[in-house]
Amino acid sequence: MPLDPKRLLRDAKKAQTTRPATMVGRETTGVTRAVRAALPTIRRLRVAGVSWAAIAQAMAEQGVRQKGDVPLTATRLTAIVGQVEAQDRRRDAAAAVRNRPDLVGAEPVSPVRPEPAPEPPRGPAPADPPTHPTAEAIRRAGLAELNRILKKV
């Protein structure tokens, strides 16, 4: 089935404008959005000593529901708060890398390979030559034998 690129562009822009403003890819019930919006209040309540169960019950009474129209539970609330805080930490860490104050106005530097370390000085050459043939000597002997055989032919 061929796609019409102009229609695809128009439909995608329309779908983007109708999507809720969220920082996550998909929200099915809106609980995450509600928890994200209420996170400062939730933190203040926790500092004041209010339990997770009481906060979850209060949010459920205000209409915050899980999938299947189930009231929000303390377990689900703590899980969502943990997810939102982890998302915020990742976003802040990524922003910190991009917004380094020591690099303001500086041009990006391409990664450069470090120069290889200098070779350590070699000791004196061994006094006795090796008693077994080296790989180079074996190759030369094989080449000489091949040349001798080919000259006979």
Foldseek 3Di string as FASTA:
>chain_A
DDDDVVVVVVVVVVVVVPDDDDPDDDDDQCLLVVCLVCVVVVVVCVVVPHALQVVQVVVQVVPRADPPRHGGGSVNSVVSSVVSVVVVVVVVVVVCVVDPPVCVVPDDDDDDDDDDDDDDDDDDDDPDDDPDDDPVVVVVVVVVVVVVVVVVD
